[in-house]
Amino acid sequence: MARTTMHINDRSHSLDPSQDLETVKGDVVEAVRAGGDFVQVAVAGGHVLDVLVAPGVSVSFETETETNFSEGPDDEFVASIDAVDFDDYLLFL
């Protein structure tokens, strides 16, 4: 299963899994070519979102597979929490 997020300028919306991504992409391109129009998308939670798409509006799509979002964070990006020994710092005061 995949999860798709639609980014519109600085806002993000998770698309409903039943939403056909290729149809939405085509609608976005058509709206831009027409100089602007509303594109209707189904978002997670059963809501419908009407997006005004026009030249100058940034629209992007991000798709993650289930293996990407079901795993925990990568160890390389998780900071370890070590006890800090403040005695070393007091030597410089």
PDB file of N, CA and C in Angstrom:
ATOM      1  N   MET A   1       0.845  -1.180   0.000  1.00  0.00           N
ATOM      2  CA  MET A   1       0.000   0.000   0.000  1.00  0.00           C
ATOM      3  C   MET A   1       0.888   1.240   0.000  1.00  0.00           C
ATOM      4  N   ALA A   2       0.421   2.304  -0.600  1.00  0.00           N
ATOM      5  CA  ALA A   2       1.182   3.542  -0.659  1.00  0.00           C
ATOM      6  C   ALA A   2       0.357   4.677  -0.062  1.00  0.00           C
ATOM      7  N   ARG A   3       1.058   5.647   0.471  1.00  0.00           N
ATOM      8  CA  ARG A   3       0.423   6.849   1.015  1.00  0.00           C
ATOM      9  C   ARG A   3       0.927   8.021   0.189  1.00  0.00           C
ATOM     10  N   THR A   4      -0.003   8.816  -0.343  1.00  0.00           N
ATOM     11  CA  THR A   4       0.373   9.953  -1.173  1.00  0.00           C
ATOM     12  C   THR A   4      -0.020  11.243  -0.481  1.00  0.00           C
ATOM     13  N   THR A   5       0.919  12.185  -0.450  1.00  0.00           N
ATOM     14  CA  THR A   5       0.686  13.501   0.134  1.00  0.00           C
ATOM     15  C   THR A   5       0.766  14.529  -0.980  1.00  0.00           C
ATOM     16  N   MET A   6      -0.211  15.408  -1.028  1.00  0.00           N
ATOM     17  CA  MET A   6      -0.242  16.497  -2.008  1.00  0.00           C
ATOM     18  C   MET A   6       0.195  17.766  -1.287  1.00  0.00           C
ATOM     19  N   HIS A   7       1.259  18.369  -1.777  1.00  0.00           N
ATOM     20  CA  HIS A   7       1.778  19.607  -1.196  1.00  0.00           C
ATOM     21  C   HIS A   7       1.338  20.776  -2.079  1.00  0.00           C
ATOM     22  N   ILE A   8       0.660  21.742  -1.482  1.00  0.00           N
ATOM     23  CA  ILE A   8       0.189  22.919  -2.197  1.00  0.00           C
ATOM     24  C   ILE A   8       0.796  24.123  -1.499  1.00  0.00           C
ATOM     25  N   ASN A   9       1.741  24.766  -2.193  1.00  0.00           N
ATOM     26  CA  ASN A   9       2.551  25.811  -1.585  1.00  0.00           C
ATOM     27  C   ASN A   9       3.133  25.270  -0.280  1.00  0.00           C
ATOM     28  N   ASP A  10       2.757  25.777   0.870  1.00  0.00           N
ATOM     29  CA  ASP A  10       3.352  25.308   2.128  1.00  0.00           C
ATOM     30  C   ASP A  10       2.393  24.443   2.949  1.00  0.00           C
ATOM     31  N   ARG A  11       1.306  23.970   2.344  1.00  0.00           N
ATOM     32  CA  ARG A  11       0.338  23.112   3.043  1.00  0.00           C
ATOM     33  C   ARG A  11       0.405  21.703   2.482  1.00  0.00           C
ATOM     34  N   SER A  12       0.216  20.716   3.329  1.00  0.00           N
ATOM     35  CA  SER A  12       0.260  19.317   2.912  1.00  0.00           C
ATOM     36  C   SER A  12      -1.052  18.634   3.250  1.00  0.00           C
ATOM     37  N   HIS A  13      -1.489  17.759   2.345  1.00  0.00           N
ATOM     38  CA  HIS A  13      -2.738  17.035   2.525  1.00  0.00           C
ATOM     39  C   HIS A  13      -2.525  15.584   2.108  1.00  0.00           C
ATOM     40  N   SER A  14      -2.863  14.641   2.969  1.00  0.00           N
ATOM     41  CA  SER A  14      -2.786  13.224   2.637  1.00  0.00           C
ATOM     42  C   SER A  14      -3.994  12.869   1.788  1.00  0.00           C
ATOM     43  N   LEU A  15      -3.738  12.296   0.617  1.00  0.00           N
ATOM     44  CA  LEU A  15      -4.827  11.918  -0.260  1.00  0.00           C
ATOM     45  C   LEU A  15      -5.472  10.623   0.233  1.00  0.00           C
ATOM     46  N   ASP A  16      -6.762  10.503  -0.002  1.00  0.00           N
ATOM     47  CA  ASP A  16      -7.472   9.285   0.307  1.00  0.00           C
ATOM     48  C   ASP A  16      -6.884   8.164  -0.555  1.00  0.00           C
ATOM     49  N   PRO A  17      -6.700   6.975   0.005  1.00  0.00           N
ATOM     50  CA  PRO A  17      -6.118   5.881  -0.777  1.00  0.00           C
ATOM     51  C   PRO A  17      -6.904   5.544  -2.049  1.00  0.00           C
ATOM     52  N   SER A  18      -8.207   5.852  -2.084  1.00  0.00           N
ATOM     53  CA  SER A  18      -9.013   5.570  -3.271  1.00  0.00           C
ATOM     54  C   SER A  18      -8.822   6.613  -4.376  1.00  0.00           C
ATOM     55  N   GLN A  19      -8.178   7.735  -4.050  1.00  0.00           N
ATOM     56  CA  GLN A  19      -7.978   8.813  -5.021  1.00  0.00           C
ATOM     57  C   GLN A  19      -6.978   8.364  -6.078  1.00  0.00           C
ATOM     58  N   ASP A  20      -7.352   8.496  -7.360  1.00  0.00           N
ATOM     59  CA  ASP A  20      -6.472   8.120  -8.460  1.00  0.00           C
ATOM     60  C   ASP A  20      -5.456   9.243  -8.694  1.00  0.00           C
ATOM     61  N   LEU A  21      -4.191   8.963  -8.395  1.00  0.00           N
ATOM     62  CA  LEU A  21      -3.141   9.972  -8.460  1.00  0.00           C
ATOM     63  C   LEU A  21      -2.940  10.500  -9.871  1.00  0.00           C
ATOM     64  N   GLU A  22      -2.969   9.632 -10.861  1.00  0.00           N
ATOM     65  CA  GLU A  22      -2.750  10.077 -12.245  1.00  0.00           C
ATOM     66  C   GLU A  22      -3.863  11.014 -12.710  1.00  0.00           C
ATOM     67  N   THR A  23      -5.084  10.772 -12.258  1.00  0.00           N
ATOM     68  CA  THR A  23      -6.198  11.660 -12.597  1.00  0.00           C
ATOM     69  C   THR A  23      -5.986  13.036 -11.971  1.00  0.00           C
ATOM     70  N   VAL A  24      -5.574  13.060 -10.713  1.00  0.00           N
ATOM     71  CA  VAL A  24      -5.327  14.344 -10.036  1.00  0.00           C
ATOM     72  C   VAL A  24      -4.209  15.098 -10.732  1.00  0.00           C
ATOM     73  N   LYS A  25      -3.127  14.416 -11.068  1.00  0.00           N
ATOM     74  CA  LYS A  25      -2.013  15.070 -11.770  1.00  0.00           C
ATOM     75  C   LYS A  25      -2.494  15.663 -13.099  1.00  0.00           C
ATOM     76  N   GLY A  26      -3.274  14.905 -13.835  1.00  0.00           N
ATOM     77  CA  GLY A  26      -3.808  15.411 -15.103  1.00  0.00           C
ATOM     78  C   GLY A  26      -4.693  16.620 -14.906  1.00  0.00           C
ATOM     79  N   ASP A  27      -5.526  16.585 -13.868  1.00  0.00           N
ATOM     80  CA  ASP A  27      -6.400  17.727 -13.568  1.00  0.00           C
ATOM     81  C   ASP A  27      -5.592  18.964 -13.193  1.00  0.00           C
ATOM     82  N   VAL A  28      -4.495  18.773 -12.460  1.00  0.00           N
ATOM     83  CA  VAL A  28      -3.646  19.901 -12.057  1.00  0.00           C
ATOM     84  C   VAL A  28      -2.997  20.524 -13.291  1.00  0.00           C
ATOM     85  N   VAL A  29      -2.454  19.699 -14.165  1.00  0.00           N
ATOM     86  CA  VAL A  29      -1.816  20.211 -15.387  1.00  0.00           C
ATOM     87  C   VAL A  29      -2.832  20.935 -16.260  1.00  0.00           C
ATOM     88  N   GLU A  30      -4.016  20.362 -16.399  1.00  0.00           N
ATOM     89  CA  GLU A  30      -5.069  20.984 -17.204  1.00  0.00           C
ATOM     90  C   GLU A  30      -5.472  22.344 -16.625  1.00  0.00           C
ATOM     91  N   ALA A  31      -5.581  22.431 -15.308  1.00  0.00           N
ATOM     92  CA  ALA A  31      -5.953  23.692 -14.665  1.00  0.00           C
ATOM     93  C   ALA A  31      -4.895  24.766 -14.897  1.00  0.00           C
ATOM     94  N   VAL A  32      -3.626  24.391 -14.839  1.00  0.00           N
ATOM     95  CA  VAL A  32      -2.551  25.363 -15.069  1.00  0.00           C
ATOM     96  C   VAL A  32      -2.582  25.838 -16.515  1.00  0.00           C
ATOM     97  N   ARG A  33      -2.749  24.908 -17.437  1.00  0.00           N
ATOM     98  CA  ARG A  33      -2.783  25.272 -18.869  1.00  0.00           C
ATOM     99  C   ARG A  33      -3.965  26.171 -19.195  1.00  0.00           C
ATOM    100  N   ALA A  34      -5.052  26.034 -18.431  1.00  0.00           N
ATOM    101  CA  ALA A  34      -6.239  26.863 -18.654  1.00  0.00           C
ATOM    102  C   ALA A  34      -6.116  28.230 -17.996  1.00  0.00           C
ATOM    103  N   GLY A  35      -5.018  28.463 -17.279  1.00  0.00           N
ATOM    104  CA  GLY A  35      -4.832  29.742 -16.606  1.00  0.00           C
ATOM    105  C   GLY A  35      -5.322  29.728 -15.173  1.00  0.00           C
ATOM    106  N   GLY A  36      -5.877  28.627 -14.740  1.00  0.00           N
ATOM    107  CA  GLY A  36      -6.335  28.474 -13.361  1.00  0.00           C
ATOM    108  C   GLY A  36      -7.717  27.849 -13.307  1.00  0.00           C
ATOM    109  N   ASP A  37      -7.909  26.995 -12.334  1.00  0.00           N
ATOM    110  CA  ASP A  37      -9.203  26.343 -12.140  1.00  0.00           C
ATOM    111  C   ASP A  37      -9.169  25.592 -10.812  1.00  0.00           C
ATOM    112  N   PHE A  38     -10.325  25.187 -10.346  1.00  0.00           N
ATOM    113  CA  PHE A  38     -10.403  24.374  -9.143  1.00  0.00           C
ATOM    114  C   PHE A  38     -10.229  22.904  -9.501  1.00  0.00           C
ATOM    115  N   VAL A  39      -9.453  22.216  -8.677  1.00  0.00           N
ATOM    116  CA  VAL A  39      -9.270  20.776  -8.803  1.00  0.00           C
ATOM    117  C   VAL A  39      -9.788  20.164  -7.513  1.00  0.00           C
ATOM    118  N   GLN A  40     -10.653  19.180  -7.652  1.00  0.00           N
ATOM    119  CA  GLN A  40     -11.249  18.546  -6.481  1.00  0.00           C
ATOM    120  C   GLN A  40     -10.522  17.227  -6.196  1.00  0.00           C
ATOM    121  N   VAL A  41     -10.094  17.061  -4.934  1.00  0.00           N
ATOM    122  CA  VAL A  41      -9.411  15.835  -4.534  1.00  0.00           C
ATOM    123  C   VAL A  41     -10.029  15.309  -3.247  1.00  0.00           C
ATOM    124  N   ALA A  42     -10.011  13.981  -3.132  1.00  0.00           N
ATOM    125  CA  ALA A  42     -10.476  13.335  -1.899  1.00  0.00           C
ATOM    126  C   ALA A  42      -9.264  13.189  -0.990  1.00  0.00           C
ATOM    127  N   VAL A  43      -9.370  13.701   0.224  1.00  0.00           N
ATOM    128  CA  VAL A  43      -8.270  13.621   1.178  1.00  0.00           C
ATOM    129  C   VAL A  43      -8.631  12.639   2.282  1.00  0.00           C
ATOM    130  N   ALA A  44      -7.618  12.222   3.013  1.00  0.00           N
ATOM    131  CA  ALA A  44      -7.812  11.264   4.100  1.00  0.00           C
ATOM    132  C   ALA A  44      -8.842  11.798   5.087  1.00  0.00           C
ATOM    133  N   GLY A  45      -9.631  10.905   5.637  1.00  0.00           N
ATOM    134  CA  GLY A  45     -10.660  11.297   6.582  1.00  0.00           C
ATOM    135  C   GLY A  45     -12.012  11.484   5.931  1.00  0.00           C
ATOM    136  N   GLY A  46     -12.089  11.216   4.624  1.00  0.00           N
ATOM    137  CA  GLY A  46     -13.368  11.304   3.931  1.00  0.00           C
ATOM    138  C   GLY A  46     -13.771  12.703   3.525  1.00  0.00           C
ATOM    139  N   HIS A  47     -12.848  13.649   3.535  1.00  0.00           N
ATOM    140  CA  HIS A  47     -13.148  15.024   3.157  1.00  0.00           C
ATOM    141  C   HIS A  47     -12.816  15.254   1.689  1.00  0.00           C
ATOM    142  N   VAL A  48     -13.452  16.256   1.112  1.00  0.00           N
ATOM    143  CA  VAL A  48     -13.158  16.660  -0.259  1.00  0.00           C
ATOM    144  C   VAL A  48     -12.537  18.048  -0.198  1.00  0.00           C
ATOM    145  N   LEU A  49     -11.455  18.218  -0.942  1.00  0.00           N
ATOM    146  CA  LEU A  49     -10.729  19.485  -0.948  1.00  0.00           C
ATOM    147  C   LEU A  49     -10.777  20.067  -2.350  1.00  0.00           C
ATOM    148  N   ASP A  50     -11.233  21.320  -2.465  1.00  0.00           N
ATOM    149  CA  ASP A  50     -11.204  22.038  -3.733  1.00  0.00           C
ATOM    150  C   ASP A  50      -9.988  22.953  -3.719  1.00  0.00           C
ATOM    151  N   VAL A  51      -9.061  22.701  -4.638  1.00  0.00           N
ATOM    152  CA  VAL A  51      -7.804  23.437  -4.680  1.00  0.00           C
ATOM    153  C   VAL A  51      -7.806  24.346  -5.893  1.00  0.00           C
ATOM    154  N   LEU A  52      -7.579  25.642  -5.689  1.00  0.00           N
ATOM    155  CA  LEU A  52      -7.427  26.559  -6.812  1.00  0.00           C
ATOM    156  C   LEU A  52      -6.006  26.413  -7.334  1.00  0.00           C
ATOM    157  N   VAL A  53      -5.883  25.850  -8.516  1.00  0.00           N
ATOM    158  CA  VAL A  53      -4.573  25.636  -9.141  1.00  0.00           C
ATOM    159  C   VAL A  53      -4.431  26.647 -10.257  1.00  0.00           C
ATOM    160  N   ALA A  54      -3.342  27.403 -10.221  1.00  0.00           N
ATOM    161  CA  ALA A  54      -3.087  28.435 -11.220  1.00  0.00           C
ATOM    162  C   ALA A  54      -1.583  28.555 -11.422  1.00  0.00           C
ATOM    163  N   PRO A  55      -1.166  29.197 -12.495  1.00  0.00           N
ATOM    164  CA  PRO A  55       0.268  29.423 -12.666  1.00  0.00           C
ATOM    165  C   PRO A  55       0.827  30.158 -11.444  1.00  0.00           C
ATOM    166  N   GLY A  56       1.963  29.713 -10.957  1.00  0.00           N
ATOM    167  CA  GLY A  56       2.573  30.311  -9.778  1.00  0.00           C
ATOM    168  C   GLY A  56       2.249  29.581  -8.492  1.00  0.00           C
ATOM    169  N   VAL A  57       1.300  28.657  -8.528  1.00  0.00           N
ATOM    170  CA  VAL A  57       0.970  27.854  -7.355  1.00  0.00           C
ATOM    171  C   VAL A  57       1.797  26.580  -7.432  1.00  0.00           C
ATOM    172  N   SER A  58       2.528  26.300  -6.372  1.00  0.00           N
ATOM    173  CA  SER A  58       3.377  25.109  -6.328  1.00  0.00           C
ATOM    174  C   SER A  58       2.564  23.910  -5.865  1.00  0.00           C
ATOM    175  N   VAL A  59       2.498  22.886  -6.717  1.00  0.00           N
ATOM    176  CA  VAL A  59       1.806  21.644  -6.375  1.00  0.00           C
ATOM    177  C   VAL A  59       2.779  20.497  -6.602  1.00  0.00           C
ATOM    178  N   SER A  60       2.963  19.676  -5.581  1.00  0.00           N
ATOM    179  CA  SER A  60       3.823  18.506  -5.729  1.00  0.00           C
ATOM    180  C   SER A  60       3.179  17.333  -5.011  1.00  0.00           C
ATOM    181  N   PHE A  61       3.617  16.136  -5.398  1.00  0.00           N
ATOM    182  CA  PHE A  61       3.070  14.911  -4.827  1.00  0.00           C
ATOM    183  C   PHE A  61       4.210  14.076  -4.278  1.00  0.00           C
ATOM    184  N   GLU A  62       3.990  13.496  -3.128  1.00  0.00           N
ATOM    185  CA  GLU A  62       4.974  12.627  -2.478  1.00  0.00           C
ATOM    186  C   GLU A  62       4.288  11.307  -2.170  1.00  0.00           C
ATOM    187  N   THR A  63       4.861  10.210  -2.679  1.00  0.00           N
ATOM    188  CA  THR A  63       4.286   8.900  -2.441  1.00  0.00           C
ATOM    189  C   THR A  63       5.269   8.054  -1.662  1.00  0.00           C
ATOM    190  N   GLU A  64       4.796   7.475  -0.565  1.00  0.00           N
ATOM    191  CA  GLU A  64       5.608   6.597   0.277  1.00  0.00           C
ATOM    192  C   GLU A  64       4.984   5.214   0.253  1.00  0.00           C
ATOM    193  N   THR A  65       5.829   4.193   0.193  1.00  0.00           N
ATOM    194  CA  THR A  65       5.322   2.837   0.282  1.00  0.00           C
ATOM    195  C   THR A  65       5.155   2.472   1.745  1.00  0.00           C
ATOM    196  N   GLU A  66       4.396   1.446   2.006  1.00  0.00           N
ATOM    197  CA  GLU A  66       4.104   1.055   3.394  1.00  0.00           C
ATOM    198  C   GLU A  66       5.377   0.777   4.177  1.00  0.00           C
ATOM    199  N   THR A  67       6.392   0.206   3.532  1.00  0.00           N
ATOM    200  CA  THR A  67       7.623  -0.095   4.264  1.00  0.00           C
ATOM    201  C   THR A  67       8.312   1.181   4.726  1.00  0.00           C
ATOM    202  N   ASN A  68       8.112   2.288   4.000  1.00  0.00           N
ATOM    203  CA  ASN A  68       8.751   3.548   4.392  1.00  0.00           C
ATOM    204  C   ASN A  68       8.100   4.185   5.604  1.00  0.00           C
ATOM    205  N   PHE A  69       6.770   4.110   5.707  1.00  0.00           N
ATOM    206  CA  PHE A  69       6.133   4.805   6.820  1.00  0.00           C
ATOM    207  C   PHE A  69       5.723   3.893   7.954  1.00  0.00           C
ATOM    208  N   SER A  70       5.943   2.583   7.840  1.00  0.00           N
ATOM    209  CA  SER A  70       5.608   1.718   8.963  1.00  0.00           C
ATOM    210  C   SER A  70       6.809   1.485   9.873  1.00  0.00           C
ATOM    211  N   GLU A  71       7.989   1.771   9.371  1.00  0.00           N
ATOM    212  CA  GLU A  71       9.186   1.584  10.181  1.00  0.00           C
ATOM    213  C   GLU A  71       9.394   2.782  11.090  1.00  0.00           C
ATOM    214  N   GLY A  72      10.193   2.588  12.111  1.00  0.00           N
ATOM    215  CA  GLY A  72      10.540   3.685  13.000  1.00  0.00           C
ATOM    216  C   GLY A  72      11.576   4.579  12.341  1.00  0.00           C
ATOM    217  N   PRO A  73      12.007   5.605  13.027  1.00  0.00           N
ATOM    218  CA  PRO A  73      13.006   6.507  12.458  1.00  0.00           C
ATOM    219  C   PRO A  73      14.338   5.794  12.270  1.00  0.00           C
ATOM    220  N   ASP A  74      15.088   6.264  11.268  1.00  0.00           N
ATOM    221  CA  ASP A  74      16.416   5.714  11.021  1.00  0.00           C
ATOM    222  C   ASP A  74      17.336   6.040  12.184  1.00  0.00           C
ATOM    223  N   ASP A  75      18.161   5.075  12.569  1.00  0.00           N
ATOM    224  CA  ASP A  75      19.067   5.277  13.698  1.00  0.00           C
ATOM    225  C   ASP A  75      20.042   6.416  13.451  1.00  0.00           C
ATOM    226  N   GLU A  76      20.416   6.643  12.191  1.00  0.00           N
ATOM    227  CA  GLU A  76      21.405   7.682  11.926  1.00  0.00           C
ATOM    228  C   GLU A  76      20.857   9.083  12.175  1.00  0.00           C
ATOM    229  N   PHE A  77      19.522   9.229  12.229  1.00  0.00           N
ATOM    230  CA  PHE A  77      18.929  10.535  12.453  1.00  0.00           C
ATOM    231  C   PHE A  77      18.444  10.724  13.882  1.00  0.00           C
ATOM    232  N   VAL A  78      18.615   9.721  14.709  1.00  0.00           N
ATOM    233  CA  VAL A  78      18.169   9.806  16.096  1.00  0.00           C
ATOM    234  C   VAL A  78      19.377  10.120  16.968  1.00  0.00           C
ATOM    235  N   ALA A  79      19.294  11.211  17.685  1.00  0.00           N
ATOM    236  CA  ALA A  79      20.398  11.599  18.556  1.00  0.00           C
ATOM    237  C   ALA A  79      20.374  10.738  19.801  1.00  0.00           C
ATOM    238  N   SER A  80      21.535  10.320  20.202  1.00  0.00           N
ATOM    239  CA  SER A  80      21.593   9.551  21.439  1.00  0.00           C
ATOM    240  C   SER A  80      21.555  10.525  22.613  1.00  0.00           C
ATOM    241  N   ILE A  81      20.960  10.102  23.679  1.00  0.00           N
ATOM    242  CA  ILE A  81      20.865  10.949  24.862  1.00  0.00           C
ATOM    243  C   ILE A  81      21.827  10.377  25.887  1.00  0.00           C
ATOM    244  N   ASP A  82      22.969  10.996  25.979  1.00  0.00           N
ATOM    245  CA  ASP A  82      23.973  10.588  26.955  1.00  0.00           C
ATOM    246  C   ASP A  82      23.937  11.560  28.123  1.00  0.00           C
ATOM    247  N   ALA A  83      24.292  11.062  29.273  1.00  0.00           N
ATOM    248  CA  ALA A  83      24.367  11.934  30.439  1.00  0.00           C
ATOM    249  C   ALA A  83      25.526  12.906  30.252  1.00  0.00           C
ATOM    250  N   VAL A  84      25.292  14.141  30.539  1.00  0.00           N
ATOM    251  CA  VAL A  84      26.323  15.163  30.398  1.00  0.00           C
ATOM    252  C   VAL A  84      27.039  15.322  31.727  1.00  0.00           C
ATOM    253  N   ASP A  85      28.352  15.298  31.659  1.00  0.00           N
ATOM    254  CA  ASP A  85      29.160  15.484  32.856  1.00  0.00           C
ATOM    255  C   ASP A  85      29.546  16.957  32.920  1.00  0.00           C
ATOM    256  N   PHE A  86      28.859  17.729  33.766  1.00  0.00           N
ATOM    257  CA  PHE A  86      29.100  19.156  33.850  1.00  0.00           C
ATOM    258  C   PHE A  86      30.394  19.491  34.588  1.00  0.00           C
ATOM    259  N   ASP A  87      30.994  18.524  35.258  1.00  0.00           N
ATOM    260  CA  ASP A  87      32.262  18.775  35.934  1.00  0.00           C
ATOM    261  C   ASP A  87      33.343  19.208  34.959  1.00  0.00           C
ATOM    262  N   ASP A  88      33.338  18.636  33.761  1.00  0.00           N
ATOM    263  CA  ASP A  88      34.304  19.035  32.744  1.00  0.00           C
ATOM    264  C   ASP A  88      34.127  20.495  32.342  1.00  0.00           C
ATOM    265  N   TYR A  89      32.888  20.971  32.302  1.00  0.00           N
ATOM    266  CA  TYR A  89      32.635  22.337  31.914  1.00  0.00           C
ATOM    267  C   TYR A  89      32.995  23.322  33.021  1.00  0.00           C
ATOM    268  N   LEU A  90      32.880  22.883  34.269  1.00  0.00           N
ATOM    269  CA  LEU A  90      33.179  23.773  35.381  1.00  0.00           C
ATOM    270  C   LEU A  90      34.669  24.124  35.448  1.00  0.00           C
ATOM    271  N   LEU A  91      35.525  23.306  34.861  1.00  0.00           N
ATOM    272  CA  LEU A  91      36.946  23.590  34.852  1.00  0.00           C
ATOM    273  C   LEU A  91      37.281  24.849  34.091  1.00  0.00           C
ATOM    274  N   PHE A  92      36.409  25.223  33.136  1.00  0.00           N
ATOM    275  CA  PHE A  92      36.690  26.378  32.304  1.00  0.00           C
ATOM    276  C   PHE A  92      36.043  27.646  32.831  1.00  0.00           C
ATOM    277  N   LEU A  93      35.350  27.569  33.921  1.00  0.00           N
ATOM    278  CA  LEU A  93      34.671  28.758  34.477  1.00  0.00           C
ATOM    279  C   LEU A  93      35.563  29.524  35.402  1.00  0.00           C
TER     280      LEU A  93
END
